[in-house]
């Protein structure tokens, strides 16, 4: 049975940071939509999707560089 790749501490910290950015921006998007700031909600949603995609790439070891 082959062993999986071991994740470094830097990769784990980077993944947690990008996940928290994605969650905060997604919650901000919902909040801004509810108070009527639709352009800000769309911008927050785009940022949340981008950071979520990068976070996925960090956790699956597909990102070459880790941006912290």
PDB file of N, CA and C in Angstrom:
ATOM      1  N   UNK A   1       0.846  -1.174   0.000  1.00  0.00           N
ATOM      2  CA  UNK A   1       0.000   0.000   0.000  1.00  0.00           C
ATOM      3  C   UNK A   1       0.895   1.242   0.000  1.00  0.00           C
ATOM      4  N   UNK A   2       0.761   2.092  -1.036  1.00  0.00           N
ATOM      5  CA  UNK A   2       1.626   3.275  -1.111  1.00  0.00           C
ATOM      6  C   UNK A   2       1.228   4.337  -0.096  1.00  0.00           C
ATOM      7  N   UNK A   3       2.239   4.975   0.453  1.00  0.00           N
ATOM      8  CA  UNK A   3       1.986   6.056   1.412  1.00  0.00           C
ATOM      9  C   UNK A   3       1.664   7.332   0.664  1.00  0.00           C
ATOM     10  N   UNK A   4       0.751   8.122   1.223  1.00  0.00           N
ATOM     11  CA  UNK A   4       0.414   9.408   0.631  1.00  0.00           C
ATOM     12  C   UNK A   4       1.494  10.427   0.909  1.00  0.00           C
ATOM     13  N   UNK A   5       1.454  11.504   0.152  1.00  0.00           N
ATOM     14  CA  UNK A   5       2.419  12.570   0.388  1.00  0.00           C
ATOM     15  C   UNK A   5       2.135  13.236   1.719  1.00  0.00           C
ATOM     16  N   UNK A   6       3.184  13.513   2.431  1.00  0.00           N
ATOM     17  CA  UNK A   6       3.045  14.187   3.713  1.00  0.00           C
ATOM     18  C   UNK A   6       2.975  15.688   3.475  1.00  0.00           C
ATOM     19  N   UNK A   7       2.025  16.342   4.102  1.00  0.00           N
ATOM     20  CA  UNK A   7       1.861  17.774   3.914  1.00  0.00           C
ATOM     21  C   UNK A   7       2.792  18.542   4.856  1.00  0.00           C
ATOM     22  N   UNK A   8       3.378  19.592   4.319  1.00  0.00           N
ATOM     23  CA  UNK A   8       4.256  20.410   5.138  1.00  0.00           C
ATOM     24  C   UNK A   8       3.421  21.376   5.983  1.00  0.00           C
ATOM     25  N   UNK A   9       4.054  21.918   6.991  1.00  0.00           N
ATOM     26  CA  UNK A   9       3.377  22.878   7.867  1.00  0.00           C
ATOM     27  C   UNK A   9       3.000  24.138   7.099  1.00  0.00           C
ATOM     28  N   UNK A  10       3.863  24.562   6.194  1.00  0.00           N
ATOM     29  CA  UNK A  10       3.575  25.754   5.401  1.00  0.00           C
ATOM     30  C   UNK A  10       2.339  25.524   4.529  1.00  0.00           C
ATOM     31  N   UNK A  11       2.217  24.344   3.931  1.00  0.00           N
ATOM     32  CA  UNK A  11       1.061  24.034   3.090  1.00  0.00           C
ATOM     33  C   UNK A  11      -0.223  23.999   3.922  1.00  0.00           C
ATOM     34  N   UNK A  12      -0.172  23.473   5.123  1.00  0.00           N
ATOM     35  CA  UNK A  12      -1.345  23.432   5.991  1.00  0.00           C
ATOM     36  C   UNK A  12      -1.763  24.835   6.404  1.00  0.00           C
ATOM     37  N   UNK A  13      -0.803  25.667   6.809  1.00  0.00           N
ATOM     38  CA  UNK A  13      -1.103  27.046   7.200  1.00  0.00           C
ATOM     39  C   UNK A  13      -1.680  27.814   6.017  1.00  0.00           C
ATOM     40  N   UNK A  14      -1.090  27.641   4.854  1.00  0.00           N
ATOM     41  CA  UNK A  14      -1.568  28.315   3.655  1.00  0.00           C
ATOM     42  C   UNK A  14      -2.994  27.866   3.319  1.00  0.00           C
ATOM     43  N   UNK A  15      -3.270  26.576   3.439  1.00  0.00           N
ATOM     44  CA  UNK A  15      -4.610  26.067   3.168  1.00  0.00           C
ATOM     45  C   UNK A  15      -5.649  26.616   4.130  1.00  0.00           C
ATOM     46  N   UNK A  16      -5.296  26.700   5.400  1.00  0.00           N
ATOM     47  CA  UNK A  16      -6.227  27.235   6.398  1.00  0.00           C
ATOM     48  C   UNK A  16      -6.489  28.717   6.152  1.00  0.00           C
ATOM     49  N   UNK A  17      -5.449  29.467   5.822  1.00  0.00           N
ATOM     50  CA  UNK A  17      -5.620  30.895   5.561  1.00  0.00           C
ATOM     51  C   UNK A  17      -6.519  31.142   4.352  1.00  0.00           C
ATOM     52  N   UNK A  18      -6.286  30.427   3.256  1.00  0.00           N
ATOM     53  CA  UNK A  18      -7.105  30.627   2.065  1.00  0.00           C
ATOM     54  C   UNK A  18      -8.535  30.135   2.272  1.00  0.00           C
ATOM     55  N   UNK A  19      -8.713  29.093   3.073  1.00  0.00           N
ATOM     56  CA  UNK A  19     -10.075  28.639   3.378  1.00  0.00           C
ATOM     57  C   UNK A  19     -10.816  29.691   4.193  1.00  0.00           C
ATOM     58  N   UNK A  20     -10.128  30.312   5.144  1.00  0.00           N
ATOM     59  CA  UNK A  20     -10.792  31.342   5.950  1.00  0.00           C
ATOM     60  C   UNK A  20     -11.119  32.573   5.110  1.00  0.00           C
ATOM     61  N   UNK A  21     -10.253  32.930   4.159  1.00  0.00           N
ATOM     62  CA  UNK A  21     -10.555  34.048   3.263  1.00  0.00           C
ATOM     63  C   UNK A  21     -11.793  33.729   2.428  1.00  0.00           C
ATOM     64  N   UNK A  22     -11.873  32.513   1.925  1.00  0.00           N
ATOM     65  CA  UNK A  22     -13.024  32.114   1.108  1.00  0.00           C
ATOM     66  C   UNK A  22     -14.316  32.139   1.921  1.00  0.00           C
ATOM     67  N   UNK A  23     -14.267  31.677   3.148  1.00  0.00           N
ATOM     68  CA  UNK A  23     -15.473  31.647   3.993  1.00  0.00           C
ATOM     69  C   UNK A  23     -15.914  33.053   4.364  1.00  0.00           C
ATOM     70  N   UNK A  24     -14.964  33.900   4.738  1.00  0.00           N
ATOM     71  CA  UNK A  24     -15.306  35.277   5.114  1.00  0.00           C
ATOM     72  C   UNK A  24     -15.882  36.034   3.922  1.00  0.00           C
ATOM     73  N   UNK A  25     -15.283  35.868   2.750  1.00  0.00           N
ATOM     74  CA  UNK A  25     -15.794  36.566   1.565  1.00  0.00           C
ATOM     75  C   UNK A  25     -17.159  36.029   1.141  1.00  0.00           C
ATOM     76  N   UNK A  26     -17.395  34.735   1.276  1.00  0.00           N
ATOM     77  CA  UNK A  26     -18.704  34.180   0.935  1.00  0.00           C
ATOM     78  C   UNK A  26     -19.764  34.701   1.902  1.00  0.00           C
ATOM     79  N   UNK A  27     -19.441  34.762   3.182  1.00  0.00           N
ATOM     80  CA  UNK A  27     -20.393  35.309   4.159  1.00  0.00           C
ATOM     81  C   UNK A  27     -20.614  36.798   3.915  1.00  0.00           C
ATOM     82  N   UNK A  28     -19.562  37.513   3.567  1.00  0.00           N
ATOM     83  CA  UNK A  28     -19.699  38.925   3.244  1.00  0.00           C
ATOM     84  C   UNK A  28     -20.556  39.142   2.010  1.00  0.00           C
ATOM     85  N   UNK A  29     -20.449  38.248   1.057  1.00  0.00           N
ATOM     86  CA  UNK A  29     -21.272  38.338  -0.147  1.00  0.00           C
ATOM     87  C   UNK A  29     -22.748  38.196   0.181  1.00  0.00           C
ATOM     88  N   UNK A  30     -23.071  37.238   1.019  1.00  0.00           N
ATOM     89  CA  UNK A  30     -24.470  37.056   1.431  1.00  0.00           C
ATOM     90  C   UNK A  30     -24.949  38.267   2.223  1.00  0.00           C
ATOM     91  N   UNK A  31     -24.127  38.755   3.128  1.00  0.00           N
ATOM     92  CA  UNK A  31     -24.503  39.916   3.931  1.00  0.00           C
ATOM     93  C   UNK A  31     -24.721  41.161   3.089  1.00  0.00           C
ATOM     94  N   UNK A  32     -23.839  41.390   2.139  1.00  0.00           N
ATOM     95  CA  UNK A  32     -23.999  42.564   1.287  1.00  0.00           C
ATOM     96  C   UNK A  32     -25.215  42.435   0.382  1.00  0.00           C
ATOM     97  N   UNK A  33     -25.495  41.235  -0.076  1.00  0.00           N
ATOM     98  CA  UNK A  33     -26.687  41.043  -0.914  1.00  0.00           C
ATOM     99  C   UNK A  33     -27.953  41.338  -0.112  1.00  0.00           C
ATOM    100  N   UNK A  34     -27.964  40.918   1.154  1.00  0.00           N
ATOM    101  CA  UNK A  34     -29.147  41.119   1.991  1.00  0.00           C
ATOM    102  C   UNK A  34     -29.390  42.590   2.324  1.00  0.00           C
ATOM    103  N   UNK A  35     -28.328  43.389   2.410  1.00  0.00           N
ATOM    104  CA  UNK A  35     -28.536  44.808   2.717  1.00  0.00           C
ATOM    105  C   UNK A  35     -28.649  45.660   1.460  1.00  0.00           C
ATOM    106  N   UNK A  36     -28.505  45.050   0.293  1.00  0.00           N
ATOM    107  CA  UNK A  36     -28.750  45.763  -0.945  1.00  0.00           C
ATOM    108  C   UNK A  36     -27.531  46.278  -1.682  1.00  0.00           C
ATOM    109  N   UNK A  37     -26.345  45.884  -1.292  1.00  0.00           N
ATOM    110  CA  UNK A  37     -25.134  46.306  -1.998  1.00  0.00           C
ATOM    111  C   UNK A  37     -24.765  45.185  -2.974  1.00  0.00           C
ATOM    112  N   UNK A  38     -25.434  45.179  -4.120  1.00  0.00           N
ATOM    113  CA  UNK A  38     -25.310  44.048  -5.040  1.00  0.00           C
ATOM    114  C   UNK A  38     -23.956  43.982  -5.742  1.00  0.00           C
ATOM    115  N   UNK A  39     -23.383  45.123  -6.087  1.00  0.00           N
ATOM    116  CA  UNK A  39     -22.070  45.110  -6.746  1.00  0.00           C
ATOM    117  C   UNK A  39     -20.994  44.572  -5.795  1.00  0.00           C
ATOM    118  N   UNK A  40     -21.050  44.976  -4.542  1.00  0.00           N
ATOM    119  CA  UNK A  40     -20.106  44.466  -3.553  1.00  0.00           C
ATOM    120  C   UNK A  40     -20.296  42.986  -3.296  1.00  0.00           C
ATOM    121  N   UNK A  41     -21.552  42.538  -3.342  1.00  0.00           N
ATOM    122  CA  UNK A  41     -21.833  41.115  -3.140  1.00  0.00           C
ATOM    123  C   UNK A  41     -21.244  40.281  -4.274  1.00  0.00           C
ATOM    124  N   UNK A  42     -21.364  40.784  -5.492  1.00  0.00           N
ATOM    125  CA  UNK A  42     -20.808  40.055  -6.636  1.00  0.00           C
ATOM    126  C   UNK A  42     -19.283  40.028  -6.553  1.00  0.00           C
ATOM    127  N   UNK A  43     -18.682  41.144  -6.181  1.00  0.00           N
ATOM    128  CA  UNK A  43     -17.227  41.194  -6.033  1.00  0.00           C
ATOM    129  C   UNK A  43     -16.748  40.225  -4.953  1.00  0.00           C
ATOM    130  N   UNK A  44     -17.428  40.209  -3.812  1.00  0.00           N
ATOM    131  CA  UNK A  44     -17.062  39.277  -2.734  1.00  0.00           C
ATOM    132  C   UNK A  44     -17.225  37.828  -3.191  1.00  0.00           C
ATOM    133  N   UNK A  45     -18.263  37.565  -3.968  1.00  0.00           N
ATOM    134  CA  UNK A  45     -18.489  36.207  -4.463  1.00  0.00           C
ATOM    135  C   UNK A  45     -17.378  35.777  -5.414  1.00  0.00           C
ATOM    136  N   UNK A  46     -16.946  36.677  -6.279  1.00  0.00           N
ATOM    137  CA  UNK A  46     -15.851  36.359  -7.203  1.00  0.00           C
ATOM    138  C   UNK A  46     -14.562  36.086  -6.423  1.00  0.00           C
ATOM    139  N   UNK A  47     -14.280  36.891  -5.416  1.00  0.00           N
ATOM    140  CA  UNK A  47     -13.082  36.676  -4.590  1.00  0.00           C
ATOM    141  C   UNK A  47     -13.191  35.361  -3.823  1.00  0.00           C
ATOM    142  N   UNK A  48     -14.377  35.056  -3.304  1.00  0.00           N
ATOM    143  CA  UNK A  48     -14.578  33.802  -2.566  1.00  0.00           C
ATOM    144  C   UNK A  48     -14.380  32.588  -3.473  1.00  0.00           C
ATOM    145  N   UNK A  49     -14.874  32.663  -4.694  1.00  0.00           N
ATOM    146  CA  UNK A  49     -14.711  31.537  -5.623  1.00  0.00           C
ATOM    147  C   UNK A  49     -13.232  31.364  -5.982  1.00  0.00           C
ATOM    148  N   UNK A  50     -12.546  32.470  -6.243  1.00  0.00           N
ATOM    149  CA  UNK A  50     -11.119  32.392  -6.567  1.00  0.00           C
ATOM    150  C   UNK A  50     -10.281  31.850  -5.432  1.00  0.00           C
ATOM    151  N   UNK A  51     -10.537  32.318  -4.219  1.00  0.00           N
ATOM    152  CA  UNK A  51      -9.755  31.804  -3.090  1.00  0.00           C
ATOM    153  C   UNK A  51     -10.135  30.378  -2.739  1.00  0.00           C
ATOM    154  N   UNK A  52     -11.378  30.020  -2.943  1.00  0.00           N
ATOM    155  CA  UNK A  52     -11.768  28.626  -2.719  1.00  0.00           C
ATOM    156  C   UNK A  52     -11.102  27.688  -3.711  1.00  0.00           C
ATOM    157  N   UNK A  53     -10.997  28.121  -4.968  1.00  0.00           N
ATOM    158  CA  UNK A  53     -10.331  27.309  -5.990  1.00  0.00           C
ATOM    159  C   UNK A  53      -8.845  27.151  -5.658  1.00  0.00           C
ATOM    160  N   UNK A  54      -8.205  28.242  -5.242  1.00  0.00           N
ATOM    161  CA  UNK A  54      -6.794  28.144  -4.880  1.00  0.00           C
ATOM    162  C   UNK A  54      -6.614  27.260  -3.649  1.00  0.00           C
ATOM    163  N   UNK A  55      -7.526  27.356  -2.687  1.00  0.00           N
ATOM    164  CA  UNK A  55      -7.452  26.513  -1.495  1.00  0.00           C
ATOM    165  C   UNK A  55      -7.579  25.037  -1.868  1.00  0.00           C
ATOM    166  N   UNK A  56      -8.464  24.736  -2.799  1.00  0.00           N
ATOM    167  CA  UNK A  56      -8.596  23.358  -3.286  1.00  0.00           C
ATOM    168  C   UNK A  56      -7.275  22.880  -3.889  1.00  0.00           C
ATOM    169  N   UNK A  57      -6.638  23.747  -4.657  1.00  0.00           N
ATOM    170  CA  UNK A  57      -5.367  23.370  -5.278  1.00  0.00           C
ATOM    171  C   UNK A  57      -4.262  23.187  -4.230  1.00  0.00           C
ATOM    172  N   UNK A  58      -4.304  23.972  -3.148  1.00  0.00           N
ATOM    173  CA  UNK A  58      -3.311  23.820  -2.080  1.00  0.00           C
ATOM    174  C   UNK A  58      -3.486  22.467  -1.393  1.00  0.00           C
ATOM    175  N   UNK A  59      -4.720  22.112  -1.027  1.00  0.00           N
ATOM    176  CA  UNK A  59      -4.963  20.869  -0.295  1.00  0.00           C
ATOM    177  C   UNK A  59      -4.725  19.624  -1.142  1.00  0.00           C
ATOM    178  N   UNK A  60      -4.908  19.717  -2.467  1.00  0.00           N
ATOM    179  CA  UNK A  60      -4.677  18.547  -3.316  1.00  0.00           C
ATOM    180  C   UNK A  60      -3.258  18.526  -3.888  1.00  0.00           C
ATOM    181  N   UNK A  61      -2.395  19.407  -3.405  1.00  0.00           N
ATOM    182  CA  UNK A  61      -0.981  19.496  -3.804  1.00  0.00           C
ATOM    183  C   UNK A  61      -0.816  19.767  -5.285  1.00  0.00           C
ATOM    184  N   UNK A  62      -1.716  20.539  -5.865  1.00  0.00           N
ATOM    185  CA  UNK A  62      -1.608  20.884  -7.288  1.00  0.00           C
ATOM    186  C   UNK A  62      -1.017  22.269  -7.496  1.00  0.00           C
ATOM    187  N   UNK A  63      -0.926  23.070  -6.452  1.00  0.00           N
ATOM    188  CA  UNK A  63      -0.339  24.399  -6.617  1.00  0.00           C
ATOM    189  C   UNK A  63       1.178  24.284  -6.524  1.00  0.00           C
ATOM    190  N   UNK A  64       1.848  24.940  -7.443  1.00  0.00           N
ATOM    191  CA  UNK A  64       3.301  24.877  -7.452  1.00  0.00           C
ATOM    192  C   UNK A  64       3.916  25.808  -6.437  1.00  0.00           C
ATOM    193  N   UNK A  65       3.319  26.998  -6.322  1.00  0.00           N
ATOM    194  CA  UNK A  65       3.809  27.981  -5.362  1.00  0.00           C
ATOM    195  C   UNK A  65       2.744  28.211  -4.307  1.00  0.00           C
ATOM    196  N   UNK A  66       3.188  28.395  -3.081  1.00  0.00           N
ATOM    197  CA  UNK A  66       2.260  28.675  -1.993  1.00  0.00           C
ATOM    198  C   UNK A  66       2.288  30.168  -1.705  1.00  0.00           C
ATOM    199  N   UNK A  67       1.138  30.810  -1.895  1.00  0.00           N
ATOM    200  CA  UNK A  67       1.021  32.248  -1.657  1.00  0.00           C
ATOM    201  C   UNK A  67       0.432  32.443  -0.274  1.00  0.00           C
ATOM    202  N   UNK A  68       1.217  33.010   0.617  1.00  0.00           N
ATOM    203  CA  UNK A  68       0.744  33.239   1.983  1.00  0.00           C
ATOM    204  C   UNK A  68       0.575  34.721   2.211  1.00  0.00           C
TER     205      UNK A  68
END
